[in-house]
């Protein structure tokens, strides 16, 4: 009977030792997993920071391009408006002179009719 008790004791001891060994491995694995997760988080944060910096630089460059195009477009529009205003001014001035002459000529005709002068043909 003592052999049976001794066998049971050895078997129980072997189970306890093997269970405690796997528990120790599980703790090492959990610690390693935590360290790996921290490293992954750090790397992801760095990557995100670099991506934001790159995007910001590209946005700044794009904004400068838009600004310069706007300035150029505004200058072009101002010059074209000035040229158009000169042309319109000349046309209006010419139209005004023609209308004034026509009005004066018409007034002369009316005055001649009132005075009884014959209409030239």
PDB file of N, CA and C in Angstrom:
ATOM      1  N   UNK A   1       0.808  -1.170   0.000  1.00  0.00           N
ATOM      2  CA  UNK A   1       0.000   0.000   0.000  1.00  0.00           C
ATOM      3  C   UNK A   1       0.864   1.252   0.000  1.00  0.00           C
ATOM      4  N   UNK A   2       1.989   1.162   0.637  1.00  0.00           N
ATOM      5  CA  UNK A   2       2.854   2.313   0.650  1.00  0.00           C
ATOM      6  C   UNK A   2       3.391   2.608  -0.746  1.00  0.00           C
ATOM      7  N   UNK A   3       3.569   1.627  -1.546  1.00  0.00           N
ATOM      8  CA  UNK A   3       4.040   1.826  -2.911  1.00  0.00           C
ATOM      9  C   UNK A   3       2.975   2.608  -3.686  1.00  0.00           C
ATOM     10  N   UNK A   4       1.737   2.267  -3.444  1.00  0.00           N
ATOM     11  CA  UNK A   4       0.643   2.973  -4.103  1.00  0.00           C
ATOM     12  C   UNK A   4       0.612   4.431  -3.647  1.00  0.00           C
ATOM     13  N   UNK A   5       0.798   4.690  -2.370  1.00  0.00           N
ATOM     14  CA  UNK A   5       0.800   6.055  -1.865  1.00  0.00           C
ATOM     15  C   UNK A   5       1.992   6.812  -2.419  1.00  0.00           C
ATOM     16  N   UNK A   6       3.123   6.125  -2.484  1.00  0.00           N
ATOM     17  CA  UNK A   6       4.304   6.758  -3.022  1.00  0.00           C
ATOM     18  C   UNK A   6       4.107   7.090  -4.498  1.00  0.00           C
ATOM     19  N   UNK A   7       3.493   6.206  -5.251  1.00  0.00           N
ATOM     20  CA  UNK A   7       3.209   6.439  -6.679  1.00  0.00           C
ATOM     21  C   UNK A   7       2.241   7.606  -6.853  1.00  0.00           C
ATOM     22  N   UNK A   8       1.230   7.653  -5.997  1.00  0.00           N
ATOM     23  CA  UNK A   8       0.265   8.754  -6.062  1.00  0.00           C
ATOM     24  C   UNK A   8       0.944  10.073  -5.720  1.00  0.00           C
ATOM     25  N   UNK A   9       1.837  10.043  -4.735  1.00  0.00           N
ATOM     26  CA  UNK A   9       2.541  11.252  -4.325  1.00  0.00           C
ATOM     27  C   UNK A   9       3.446  11.752  -5.456  1.00  0.00           C
ATOM     28  N   UNK A  10       4.138  10.813  -6.107  1.00  0.00           N
ATOM     29  CA  UNK A  10       5.016  11.186  -7.213  1.00  0.00           C
ATOM     30  C   UNK A  10       4.195  11.747  -8.372  1.00  0.00           C
ATOM     31  N   UNK A  11       3.085  11.134  -8.659  1.00  0.00           N
ATOM     32  CA  UNK A  11       2.211  11.601  -9.746  1.00  0.00           C
ATOM     33  C   UNK A  11       1.662  12.993  -9.432  1.00  0.00           C
ATOM     34  N   UNK A  12       1.224  13.199  -8.192  1.00  0.00           N
ATOM     35  CA  UNK A  12       0.700  14.499  -7.791  1.00  0.00           C
ATOM     36  C   UNK A  12       1.794  15.554  -7.843  1.00  0.00           C
ATOM     37  N   UNK A  13       3.000  15.197  -7.411  1.00  0.00           N
ATOM     38  CA  UNK A  13       4.119  16.134  -7.440  1.00  0.00           C
ATOM     39  C   UNK A  13       4.449  16.520  -8.881  1.00  0.00           C
ATOM     40  N   UNK A  14       4.440  15.549  -9.770  1.00  0.00           N
ATOM     41  CA  UNK A  14       4.742  15.811 -11.182  1.00  0.00           C
ATOM     42  C   UNK A  14       3.697  16.751 -11.784  1.00  0.00           C
ATOM     43  N   UNK A  15       2.438  16.550 -11.427  1.00  0.00           N
ATOM     44  CA  UNK A  15       1.380  17.437 -11.934  1.00  0.00           C
ATOM     45  C   UNK A  15       1.551  18.855 -11.398  1.00  0.00           C
ATOM     46  N   UNK A  16       1.898  18.982 -10.129  1.00  0.00           N
ATOM     47  CA  UNK A  16       2.084  20.304  -9.532  1.00  0.00           C
ATOM     48  C   UNK A  16       3.261  21.012 -10.191  1.00  0.00           C
ATOM     49  N   UNK A  17       4.353  20.314 -10.389  1.00  0.00           N
ATOM     50  CA  UNK A  17       5.541  20.914 -11.003  1.00  0.00           C
ATOM     51  C   UNK A  17       5.231  21.326 -12.438  1.00  0.00           C
ATOM     52  N   UNK A  18       4.576  20.457 -13.198  1.00  0.00           N
ATOM     53  CA  UNK A  18       4.272  20.801 -14.598  1.00  0.00           C
ATOM     54  C   UNK A  18       3.272  21.954 -14.672  1.00  0.00           C
ATOM     55  N   UNK A  19       2.313  22.021 -13.767  1.00  0.00           N
ATOM     56  CA  UNK A  19       1.335  23.110 -13.762  1.00  0.00           C
ATOM     57  C   UNK A  19       2.002  24.424 -13.382  1.00  0.00           C
ATOM     58  N   UNK A  20       2.899  24.397 -12.426  1.00  0.00           N
ATOM     59  CA  UNK A  20       3.557  25.634 -12.009  1.00  0.00           C
ATOM     60  C   UNK A  20       4.511  26.107 -13.102  1.00  0.00           C
ATOM     61  N   UNK A  21       5.101  25.205 -13.833  1.00  0.00           N
ATOM     62  CA  UNK A  21       5.978  25.584 -14.947  1.00  0.00           C
ATOM     63  C   UNK A  21       5.196  26.253 -16.056  1.00  0.00           C
ATOM     64  N   UNK A  22       4.051  25.747 -16.385  1.00  0.00           N
ATOM     65  CA  UNK A  22       3.254  26.362 -17.444  1.00  0.00           C
ATOM     66  C   UNK A  22       2.685  27.696 -16.974  1.00  0.00           C
ATOM     67  N   UNK A  23       2.434  27.814 -15.662  1.00  0.00           N
ATOM     68  CA  UNK A  23       1.963  29.103 -15.128  1.00  0.00           C
ATOM     69  C   UNK A  23       3.070  30.142 -15.266  1.00  0.00           C
ATOM     70  N   UNK A  24       4.302  29.741 -14.984  1.00  0.00           N
ATOM     71  CA  UNK A  24       5.430  30.660 -15.121  1.00  0.00           C
ATOM     72  C   UNK A  24       5.600  31.054 -16.581  1.00  0.00           C
ATOM     73  N   UNK A  25       5.439  30.135 -17.499  1.00  0.00           N
ATOM     74  CA  UNK A  25       5.538  30.450 -18.920  1.00  0.00           C
ATOM     75  C   UNK A  25       4.414  31.392 -19.337  1.00  0.00           C
ATOM     76  N   UNK A  26       3.249  31.197 -18.795  1.00  0.00           N
ATOM     77  CA  UNK A  26       2.117  32.059 -19.133  1.00  0.00           C
ATOM     78  C   UNK A  26       2.388  33.476 -18.655  1.00  0.00           C
ATOM     79  N   UNK A  27       3.018  33.642 -17.497  1.00  0.00           N
ATOM     80  CA  UNK A  27       3.334  34.978 -17.016  1.00  0.00           C
ATOM     81  C   UNK A  27       4.373  35.632 -17.911  1.00  0.00           C
ATOM     82  N   UNK A  28       5.383  34.903 -18.334  1.00  0.00           N
ATOM     83  CA  UNK A  28       6.384  35.454 -19.242  1.00  0.00           C
ATOM     84  C   UNK A  28       5.740  35.836 -20.569  1.00  0.00           C
ATOM     85  N   UNK A  29       4.855  35.040 -21.044  1.00  0.00           N
ATOM     86  CA  UNK A  29       4.183  35.305 -22.307  1.00  0.00           C
ATOM     87  C   UNK A  29       3.313  36.555 -22.208  1.00  0.00           C
ATOM     88  N   UNK A  30       2.623  36.710 -21.085  1.00  0.00           N
ATOM     89  CA  UNK A  30       1.777  37.895 -20.900  1.00  0.00           C
ATOM     90  C   UNK A  30       2.640  39.147 -20.836  1.00  0.00           C
ATOM     91  N   UNK A  31       3.769  39.073 -20.143  1.00  0.00           N
ATOM     92  CA  UNK A  31       4.674  40.224 -20.068  1.00  0.00           C
ATOM     93  C   UNK A  31       5.228  40.575 -21.446  1.00  0.00           C
ATOM     94  N   UNK A  32       5.574  39.546 -22.186  1.00  0.00           N
ATOM     95  CA  UNK A  32       6.090  39.770 -23.539  1.00  0.00           C
ATOM     96  C   UNK A  32       5.001  40.384 -24.429  1.00  0.00           C
ATOM     97  N   UNK A  33       3.784  39.892 -24.304  1.00  0.00           N
ATOM     98  CA  UNK A  33       2.659  40.431 -25.077  1.00  0.00           C
ATOM     99  C   UNK A  33       2.420  41.902 -24.747  1.00  0.00           C
ATOM    100  N   UNK A  34       2.519  42.256 -23.477  1.00  0.00           N
ATOM    101  CA  UNK A  34       2.315  43.651 -23.065  1.00  0.00           C
ATOM    102  C   UNK A  34       3.418  44.544 -23.651  1.00  0.00           C
ATOM    103  N   UNK A  35       4.658  44.040 -23.602  1.00  0.00           N
ATOM    104  CA  UNK A  35       5.768  44.814 -24.154  1.00  0.00           C
ATOM    105  C   UNK A  35       5.590  44.991 -25.659  1.00  0.00           C
ATOM    106  N   UNK A  36       5.194  43.922 -26.348  1.00  0.00           N
ATOM    107  CA  UNK A  36       4.971  43.991 -27.795  1.00  0.00           C
ATOM    108  C   UNK A  36       3.839  44.959 -28.122  1.00  0.00           C
ATOM    109  N   UNK A  37       2.791  44.937 -27.319  1.00  0.00           N
ATOM    110  CA  UNK A  37       1.667  45.860 -27.552  1.00  0.00           C
ATOM    111  C   UNK A  37       2.116  47.312 -27.355  1.00  0.00           C
ATOM    112  N   UNK A  38       2.917  47.561 -26.356  1.00  0.00           N
ATOM    113  CA  UNK A  38       3.430  48.912 -26.127  1.00  0.00           C
ATOM    114  C   UNK A  38       4.307  49.379 -27.277  1.00  0.00           C
ATOM    115  N   UNK A  39       5.162  48.487 -27.773  1.00  0.00           N
ATOM    116  CA  UNK A  39       6.029  48.822 -28.902  1.00  0.00           C
ATOM    117  C   UNK A  39       5.193  49.095 -30.156  1.00  0.00           C
ATOM    118  N   UNK A  40       4.191  48.272 -30.391  1.00  0.00           N
ATOM    119  CA  UNK A  40       3.313  48.473 -31.553  1.00  0.00           C
ATOM    120  C   UNK A  40       2.586  49.812 -31.462  1.00  0.00           C
ATOM    121  N   UNK A  41       2.130  50.156 -30.274  1.00  0.00           N
ATOM    122  CA  UNK A  41       1.432  51.434 -30.083  1.00  0.00           C
ATOM    123  C   UNK A  41       2.375  52.598 -30.340  1.00  0.00           C
ATOM    124  N   UNK A  42       3.599  52.486 -29.835  1.00  0.00           N
ATOM    125  CA  UNK A  42       4.599  53.542 -30.041  1.00  0.00           C
ATOM    126  C   UNK A  42       4.889  53.708 -31.532  1.00  0.00           C
ATOM    127  N   UNK A  43       5.079  52.601 -32.238  1.00  0.00           N
ATOM    128  CA  UNK A  43       5.366  52.662 -33.677  1.00  0.00           C
ATOM    129  C   UNK A  43       4.188  53.252 -34.455  1.00  0.00           C
ATOM    130  N   UNK A  44       2.980  52.865 -34.091  1.00  0.00           N
ATOM    131  CA  UNK A  44       1.795  53.403 -34.764  1.00  0.00           C
ATOM    132  C   UNK A  44       1.656  54.897 -34.522  1.00  0.00           C
ATOM    133  N   UNK A  45       1.985  55.342 -33.326  1.00  0.00           N
ATOM    134  CA  UNK A  45       1.927  56.772 -33.008  1.00  0.00           C
ATOM    135  C   UNK A  45       2.940  57.552 -33.835  1.00  0.00           C
ATOM    136  N   UNK A  46       4.152  57.010 -33.962  1.00  0.00           N
ATOM    137  CA  UNK A  46       5.175  57.658 -34.784  1.00  0.00           C
ATOM    138  C   UNK A  46       4.716  57.749 -36.236  1.00  0.00           C
ATOM    139  N   UNK A  47       4.190  56.639 -36.764  1.00  0.00           N
ATOM    140  CA  UNK A  47       3.719  56.629 -38.150  1.00  0.00           C
ATOM    141  C   UNK A  47       2.615  57.654 -38.371  1.00  0.00           C
ATOM    142  N   UNK A  48       1.711  57.751 -37.411  1.00  0.00           N
ATOM    143  CA  UNK A  48       0.621  58.723 -37.522  1.00  0.00           C
ATOM    144  C   UNK A  48       1.168  60.142 -37.491  1.00  0.00           C
ATOM    145  N   UNK A  49       2.118  60.394 -36.617  1.00  0.00           N
ATOM    146  CA  UNK A  49       2.737  61.722 -36.540  1.00  0.00           C
ATOM    147  C   UNK A  49       3.427  62.101 -37.837  1.00  0.00           C
ATOM    148  N   UNK A  50       4.141  61.150 -38.425  1.00  0.00           N
ATOM    149  CA  UNK A  50       4.807  61.419 -39.699  1.00  0.00           C
ATOM    150  C   UNK A  50       3.789  61.682 -40.806  1.00  0.00           C
ATOM    151  N   UNK A  51       2.714  60.914 -40.822  1.00  0.00           N
ATOM    152  CA  UNK A  51       1.680  61.110 -41.838  1.00  0.00           C
ATOM    153  C   UNK A  51       1.021  62.474 -41.702  1.00  0.00           C
ATOM    154  N   UNK A  52       0.756  62.898 -40.479  1.00  0.00           N
ATOM    155  CA  UNK A  52       0.147  64.216 -40.247  1.00  0.00           C
ATOM    156  C   UNK A  52       1.109  65.314 -40.690  1.00  0.00           C
ATOM    157  N   UNK A  53       2.385  65.167 -40.369  1.00  0.00           N
ATOM    158  CA  UNK A  53       3.376  66.177 -40.762  1.00  0.00           C
ATOM    159  C   UNK A  53       3.470  66.269 -42.281  1.00  0.00           C
ATOM    160  N   UNK A  54       3.497  65.141 -42.942  1.00  0.00           N
ATOM    161  CA  UNK A  54       3.569  65.139 -44.404  1.00  0.00           C
ATOM    162  C   UNK A  54       2.320  65.779 -45.004  1.00  0.00           C
ATOM    163  N   UNK A  55       1.164  65.425 -44.483  1.00  0.00           N
ATOM    164  CA  UNK A  55      -0.079  66.017 -44.982  1.00  0.00           C
ATOM    165  C   UNK A  55      -0.125  67.512 -44.757  1.00  0.00           C
ATOM    166  N   UNK A  56       0.387  67.960 -43.633  1.00  0.00           N
ATOM    167  CA  UNK A  56       0.405  69.395 -43.328  1.00  0.00           C
ATOM    168  C   UNK A  56       1.316  70.127 -44.298  1.00  0.00           C
ATOM    169  N   UNK A  57       2.476  69.561 -44.596  1.00  0.00           N
ATOM    170  CA  UNK A  57       3.397  70.186 -45.543  1.00  0.00           C
ATOM    171  C   UNK A  57       2.762  70.272 -46.929  1.00  0.00           C
ATOM    172  N   UNK A  58       2.090  69.196 -47.340  1.00  0.00           N
ATOM    173  CA  UNK A  58       1.442  69.200 -48.655  1.00  0.00           C
ATOM    174  C   UNK A  58       0.318  70.229 -48.701  1.00  0.00           C
ATOM    175  N   UNK A  59      -0.427  70.348 -47.617  1.00  0.00           N
ATOM    176  CA  UNK A  59      -1.505  71.334 -47.556  1.00  0.00           C
ATOM    177  C   UNK A  59      -0.943  72.747 -47.635  1.00  0.00           C
ATOM    178  N   UNK A  60       0.167  72.996 -46.939  1.00  0.00           N
ATOM    179  CA  UNK A  60       0.783  74.321 -46.964  1.00  0.00           C
ATOM    180  C   UNK A  60       1.262  74.650 -48.376  1.00  0.00           C
ATOM    181  N   UNK A  61       1.870  73.690 -49.044  1.00  0.00           N
ATOM    182  CA  UNK A  61       2.335  73.909 -50.415  1.00  0.00           C
ATOM    183  C   UNK A  61       1.152  74.179 -51.339  1.00  0.00           C
ATOM    184  N   UNK A  62       0.097  73.410 -51.197  1.00  0.00           N
ATOM    185  CA  UNK A  62      -1.098  73.617 -52.020  1.00  0.00           C
ATOM    186  C   UNK A  62      -1.729  74.970 -51.764  1.00  0.00           C
ATOM    187  N   UNK A  63      -1.735  75.387 -50.516  1.00  0.00           N
ATOM    188  CA  UNK A  63      -2.307  76.693 -50.163  1.00  0.00           C
ATOM    189  C   UNK A  63      -1.494  77.814 -50.805  1.00  0.00           C
ATOM    190  N   UNK A  64      -0.173  77.699 -50.795  1.00  0.00           N
ATOM    191  CA  UNK A  64       0.683  78.707 -51.422  1.00  0.00           C
ATOM    192  C   UNK A  64       0.413  78.776 -52.922  1.00  0.00           C
ATOM    193  N   UNK A  65       0.263  77.615 -53.560  1.00  0.00           N
ATOM    194  CA  UNK A  65      -0.010  77.599 -54.997  1.00  0.00           C
ATOM    195  C   UNK A  65      -1.332  78.291 -55.298  1.00  0.00           C
ATOM    196  N   UNK A  66      -2.347  77.982 -54.516  1.00  0.00           N
ATOM    197  CA  UNK A  66      -3.655  78.606 -54.722  1.00  0.00           C
ATOM    198  C   UNK A  66      -3.563  80.113 -54.517  1.00  0.00           C
ATOM    199  N   UNK A  67      -2.828  80.537 -53.498  1.00  0.00           N
ATOM    200  CA  UNK A  67      -2.663  81.963 -53.221  1.00  0.00           C
ATOM    201  C   UNK A  67      -2.024  82.667 -54.421  1.00  0.00           C
ATOM    202  N   UNK A  68      -0.921  82.097 -54.923  1.00  0.00           N
ATOM    203  CA  UNK A  68      -0.220  82.733 -56.035  1.00  0.00           C
ATOM    204  C   UNK A  68      -1.084  82.760 -57.298  1.00  0.00           C
ATOM    205  N   UNK A  69      -1.831  81.690 -57.547  1.00  0.00           N
ATOM    206  CA  UNK A  69      -2.743  81.675 -58.699  1.00  0.00           C
ATOM    207  C   UNK A  69      -3.828  82.735 -58.526  1.00  0.00           C
ATOM    208  N   UNK A  70      -4.330  82.908 -57.313  1.00  0.00           N
ATOM    209  CA  UNK A  70      -5.363  83.915 -57.056  1.00  0.00           C
ATOM    210  C   UNK A  70      -4.827  85.320 -57.301  1.00  0.00           C
ATOM    211  N   UNK A  71      -3.603  85.574 -56.827  1.00  0.00           N
ATOM    212  CA  UNK A  71      -2.990  86.889 -57.030  1.00  0.00           C
ATOM    213  C   UNK A  71      -2.820  87.148 -58.528  1.00  0.00           C
ATOM    214  N   UNK A  72      -2.309  86.161 -59.228  1.00  0.00           N
ATOM    215  CA  UNK A  72      -2.100  86.301 -60.663  1.00  0.00           C
ATOM    216  C   UNK A  72      -3.432  86.519 -61.385  1.00  0.00           C
ATOM    217  N   UNK A  73      -4.434  85.736 -61.022  1.00  0.00           N
ATOM    218  CA  UNK A  73      -5.748  85.866 -61.644  1.00  0.00           C
ATOM    219  C   UNK A  73      -6.385  87.218 -61.351  1.00  0.00           C
ATOM    220  N   UNK A  74      -6.185  87.700 -60.148  1.00  0.00           N
ATOM    221  CA  UNK A  74      -6.744  89.006 -59.781  1.00  0.00           C
ATOM    222  C   UNK A  74      -6.083  90.113 -60.589  1.00  0.00           C
ATOM    223  N   UNK A  75      -4.758  90.042 -60.756  1.00  0.00           N
ATOM    224  CA  UNK A  75      -4.049  91.051 -61.554  1.00  0.00           C
ATOM    225  C   UNK A  75      -4.526  91.014 -63.003  1.00  0.00           C
ATOM    226  N   UNK A  76      -4.654  89.819 -63.545  1.00  0.00           N
ATOM    227  CA  UNK A  76      -5.118  89.683 -64.926  1.00  0.00           C
ATOM    228  C   UNK A  76      -6.516  90.260 -65.073  1.00  0.00           C
ATOM    229  N   UNK A  77      -7.390  89.938 -64.149  1.00  0.00           N
ATOM    230  CA  UNK A  77      -8.761  90.453 -64.208  1.00  0.00           C
ATOM    231  C   UNK A  77      -8.772  91.976 -64.099  1.00  0.00           C
ATOM    232  N   UNK A  78      -7.913  92.523 -63.245  1.00  0.00           N
ATOM    233  CA  UNK A  78      -7.858  93.980 -63.086  1.00  0.00           C
ATOM    234  C   UNK A  78      -7.395  94.644 -64.378  1.00  0.00           C
ATOM    235  N   UNK A  79      -6.375  94.076 -65.013  1.00  0.00           N
ATOM    236  CA  UNK A  79      -5.888  94.650 -66.275  1.00  0.00           C
ATOM    237  C   UNK A  79      -6.950  94.562 -67.368  1.00  0.00           C
ATOM    238  N   UNK A  80      -7.615  93.422 -67.448  1.00  0.00           N
ATOM    239  CA  UNK A  80      -8.642  93.261 -68.475  1.00  0.00           C
ATOM    240  C   UNK A  80      -9.829  94.192 -68.210  1.00  0.00           C
ATOM    241  N   UNK A  81     -10.157  94.373 -66.947  1.00  0.00           N
ATOM    242  CA  UNK A  81     -11.242  95.294 -66.604  1.00  0.00           C
ATOM    243  C   UNK A  81     -10.861  96.722 -66.985  1.00  0.00           C
ATOM    244  N   UNK A  82      -9.615  97.102 -66.710  1.00  0.00           N
ATOM    245  CA  UNK A  82      -9.155  98.454 -67.062  1.00  0.00           C
ATOM    246  C   UNK A  82      -9.190  98.650 -68.572  1.00  0.00           C
ATOM    247  N   UNK A  83      -8.708  97.654 -69.315  1.00  0.00           N
ATOM    248  CA  UNK A  83      -8.737  97.749 -70.777  1.00  0.00           C
ATOM    249  C   UNK A  83     -10.177  97.830 -71.291  1.00  0.00           C
ATOM    250  N   UNK A  84     -11.030  97.011 -70.716  1.00  0.00           N
ATOM    251  CA  UNK A  84     -12.434  97.023 -71.125  1.00  0.00           C
ATOM    252  C   UNK A  84     -13.110  98.343 -70.799  1.00  0.00           C
ATOM    253  N   UNK A  85     -12.749  98.913 -69.669  1.00  0.00           N
ATOM    254  CA  UNK A  85     -13.326 100.200 -69.264  1.00  0.00           C
ATOM    255  C   UNK A  85     -12.890 101.296 -70.232  1.00  0.00           C
ATOM    256  N   UNK A  86     -11.617 101.260 -70.657  1.00  0.00           N
ATOM    257  CA  UNK A  86     -11.133 102.254 -71.629  1.00  0.00           C
ATOM    258  C   UNK A  86     -11.902 102.128 -72.937  1.00  0.00           C
ATOM    259  N   UNK A  87     -12.076 100.884 -73.388  1.00  0.00           N
ATOM    260  CA  UNK A  87     -12.786 100.652 -74.646  1.00  0.00           C
ATOM    261  C   UNK A  87     -14.227 101.127 -74.544  1.00  0.00           C
ATOM    262  N   UNK A  88     -14.872 100.776 -73.454  1.00  0.00           N
ATOM    263  CA  UNK A  88     -16.260 101.197 -73.249  1.00  0.00           C
ATOM    264  C   UNK A  88     -16.334 102.718 -73.153  1.00  0.00           C
ATOM    265  N   UNK A  89     -15.372 103.318 -72.467  1.00  0.00           N
ATOM    266  CA  UNK A  89     -15.342 104.783 -72.343  1.00  0.00           C
ATOM    267  C   UNK A  89     -15.216 105.446 -73.697  1.00  0.00           C
ATOM    268  N   UNK A  90     -14.338 104.905 -74.542  1.00  0.00           N
ATOM    269  CA  UNK A  90     -14.173 105.452 -75.890  1.00  0.00           C
ATOM    270  C   UNK A  90     -15.474 105.306 -76.683  1.00  0.00           C
ATOM    271  N   UNK A  91     -16.081 104.123 -76.602  1.00  0.00           N
ATOM    272  CA  UNK A  91     -17.330 103.881 -77.328  1.00  0.00           C
ATOM    273  C   UNK A  91     -18.433 104.798 -76.830  1.00  0.00           C
ATOM    274  N   UNK A  92     -18.534 104.989 -75.534  1.00  0.00           N
ATOM    275  CA  UNK A  92     -19.571 105.864 -74.974  1.00  0.00           C
ATOM    276  C   UNK A  92     -19.308 107.300 -75.397  1.00  0.00           C
ATOM    277  N   UNK A  93     -18.043 107.721 -75.356  1.00  0.00           N
ATOM    278  CA  UNK A  93     -17.694 109.083 -75.774  1.00  0.00           C
ATOM    279  C   UNK A  93     -18.050 109.326 -77.230  1.00  0.00           C
ATOM    280  N   UNK A  94     -17.726 108.362 -78.076  1.00  0.00           N
ATOM    281  CA  UNK A  94     -18.048 108.480 -79.498  1.00  0.00           C
ATOM    282  C   UNK A  94     -19.561 108.521 -79.703  1.00  0.00           C
ATOM    283  N   UNK A  95     -20.260 107.652 -79.010  1.00  0.00           N
ATOM    284  CA  UNK A  95     -21.726 107.629 -79.122  1.00  0.00           C
ATOM    285  C   UNK A  95     -22.338 108.938 -78.651  1.00  0.00           C
ATOM    286  N   UNK A  96     -21.767 109.489 -77.622  1.00  0.00           N
ATOM    287  CA  UNK A  96     -22.280 110.768 -77.098  1.00  0.00           C
ATOM    288  C   UNK A  96     -22.071 111.878 -78.123  1.00  0.00           C
ATOM    289  N   UNK A  97     -20.880 111.928 -78.758  1.00  0.00           N
ATOM    290  CA  UNK A  97     -20.618 112.949 -79.785  1.00  0.00           C
ATOM    291  C   UNK A  97     -21.574 112.815 -80.953  1.00  0.00           C
ATOM    292  N   UNK A  98     -21.798 111.584 -81.396  1.00  0.00           N
ATOM    293  CA  UNK A  98     -22.707 111.347 -82.525  1.00  0.00           C
ATOM    294  C   UNK A  98     -24.117 111.778 -82.143  1.00  0.00           C
ATOM    295  N   UNK A  99     -24.534 111.392 -80.952  1.00  0.00           N
ATOM    296  CA  UNK A  99     -25.883 111.765 -80.518  1.00  0.00           C
ATOM    297  C   UNK A  99     -26.022 113.268 -80.391  1.00  0.00           C
ATOM    298  N   UNK A 100     -24.979 113.951 -79.903  1.00  0.00           N
ATOM    299  CA  UNK A 100     -25.025 115.410 -79.766  1.00  0.00           C
ATOM    300  C   UNK A 100     -25.135 116.071 -81.140  1.00  0.00           C
ATOM    301  N   UNK A 101     -24.344 115.565 -82.101  1.00  0.00           N
ATOM    302  CA  UNK A 101     -24.417 116.122 -83.451  1.00  0.00           C
ATOM    303  C   UNK A 101     -25.798 115.899 -84.057  1.00  0.00           C
ATOM    304  N   UNK A 102     -26.331 114.689 -83.899  1.00  0.00           N
ATOM    305  CA  UNK A 102     -27.663 114.388 -84.429  1.00  0.00           C
ATOM    306  C   UNK A 102     -28.709 115.277 -83.777  1.00  0.00           C
ATOM    307  N   UNK A 103     -28.580 115.479 -82.472  1.00  0.00           N
ATOM    308  CA  UNK A 103     -29.540 116.325 -81.756  1.00  0.00           C
ATOM    309  C   UNK A 103     -29.435 117.767 -82.262  1.00  0.00           C
ATOM    310  N   UNK A 104     -28.197 118.244 -82.422  1.00  0.00           N
ATOM    311  CA  UNK A 104     -28.008 119.614 -82.907  1.00  0.00           C
ATOM    312  C   UNK A 104     -28.566 119.760 -84.319  1.00  0.00           C
ATOM    313  N   UNK A 105     -28.315 118.784 -85.154  1.00  0.00           N
ATOM    314  CA  UNK A 105     -28.821 118.819 -86.527  1.00  0.00           C
ATOM    315  C   UNK A 105     -30.349 118.791 -86.542  1.00  0.00           C
ATOM    316  N   UNK A 106     -30.924 117.942 -85.690  1.00  0.00           N
ATOM    317  CA  UNK A 106     -32.385 117.880 -85.596  1.00  0.00           C
ATOM    318  C   UNK A 106     -32.964 119.190 -85.084  1.00  0.00           C
ATOM    319  N   UNK A 107     -32.261 119.784 -84.128  1.00  0.00           N
ATOM    320  CA  UNK A 107     -32.731 121.065 -83.588  1.00  0.00           C
ATOM    321  C   UNK A 107     -32.677 122.142 -84.680  1.00  0.00           C
ATOM    322  N   UNK A 108     -31.633 122.137 -85.493  1.00  0.00           N
ATOM    323  CA  UNK A 108     -31.527 123.090 -86.586  1.00  0.00           C
ATOM    324  C   UNK A 108     -32.696 122.923 -87.573  1.00  0.00           C
ATOM    325  N   UNK A 109     -33.020 121.663 -87.860  1.00  0.00           N
ATOM    326  CA  UNK A 109     -34.124 121.400 -88.790  1.00  0.00           C
ATOM    327  C   UNK A 109     -35.429 121.948 -88.235  1.00  0.00           C
ATOM    328  N   UNK A 110     -35.668 121.702 -86.948  1.00  0.00           N
ATOM    329  CA  UNK A 110     -36.896 122.183 -86.328  1.00  0.00           C
ATOM    330  C   UNK A 110     -36.899 123.716 -86.339  1.00  0.00           C
ATOM    331  N   UNK A 111     -35.764 124.323 -86.031  1.00  0.00           N
ATOM    332  CA  UNK A 111     -35.653 125.781 -86.045  1.00  0.00           C
ATOM    333  C   UNK A 111     -35.892 126.339 -87.436  1.00  0.00           C
ATOM    334  N   UNK A 112     -35.359 125.688 -88.455  1.00  0.00           N
ATOM    335  CA  UNK A 112     -35.563 126.122 -89.833  1.00  0.00           C
ATOM    336  C   UNK A 112     -37.035 126.022 -90.218  1.00  0.00           C
ATOM    337  N   UNK A 113     -37.706 124.958 -89.787  1.00  0.00           N
ATOM    338  CA  UNK A 113     -39.132 124.799 -90.103  1.00  0.00           C
ATOM    339  C   UNK A 113     -39.935 125.919 -89.448  1.00  0.00           C
ATOM    340  N   UNK A 114     -39.541 126.204 -88.180  1.00  0.00           N
ATOM    341  CA  UNK A 114     -40.273 127.266 -87.482  1.00  0.00           C
ATOM    342  C   UNK A 114     -40.032 128.603 -88.186  1.00  0.00           C
ATOM    343  N   UNK A 115     -38.811 128.841 -88.649  1.00  0.00           N
ATOM    344  CA  UNK A 115     -38.479 130.093 -89.308  1.00  0.00           C
ATOM    345  C   UNK A 115     -38.997 130.135 -90.747  1.00  0.00           C
ATOM    346  N   UNK A 116     -39.396 128.998 -91.243  1.00  0.00           N
ATOM    347  CA  UNK A 116     -39.949 128.936 -92.589  1.00  0.00           C
ATOM    348  C   UNK A 116     -38.919 128.740 -93.667  1.00  0.00           C
ATOM    349  N   UNK A 117     -37.726 128.305 -93.330  1.00  0.00           N
ATOM    350  CA  UNK A 117     -36.679 128.062 -94.322  1.00  0.00           C
ATOM    351  C   UNK A 117     -36.976 126.728 -95.016  1.00  0.00           C
ATOM    352  N   UNK A 118     -36.626 126.616 -96.280  1.00  0.00           N
ATOM    353  CA  UNK A 118     -36.853 125.365 -96.991  1.00  0.00           C
ATOM    354  C   UNK A 118     -35.844 124.288 -96.535  1.00  0.00           C
ATOM    355  N   UNK A 119     -36.246 123.048 -96.585  1.00  0.00           N
ATOM    356  CA  UNK A 119     -35.393 121.929 -96.163  1.00  0.00           C
ATOM    357  C   UNK A 119     -34.427 121.591 -97.293  1.00  0.00           C
ATOM    358  N   UNK A 120     -33.106 121.600 -96.999  1.00  0.00           N
ATOM    359  CA  UNK A 120     -32.141 121.249 -98.045  1.00  0.00           C
ATOM    360  C   UNK A 120     -32.182 119.750 -98.332  1.00  0.00           C
ATOM    361  N   UNK A 121     -31.944 119.444 -99.633  1.00  0.00           N
ATOM    362  CA  UNK A 121     -32.022 118.027 -99.990  1.00  0.00           C
ATOM    363  C   UNK A 121     -30.773 117.523-100.567  1.00  0.00           C
TER     364      UNK A 121
END
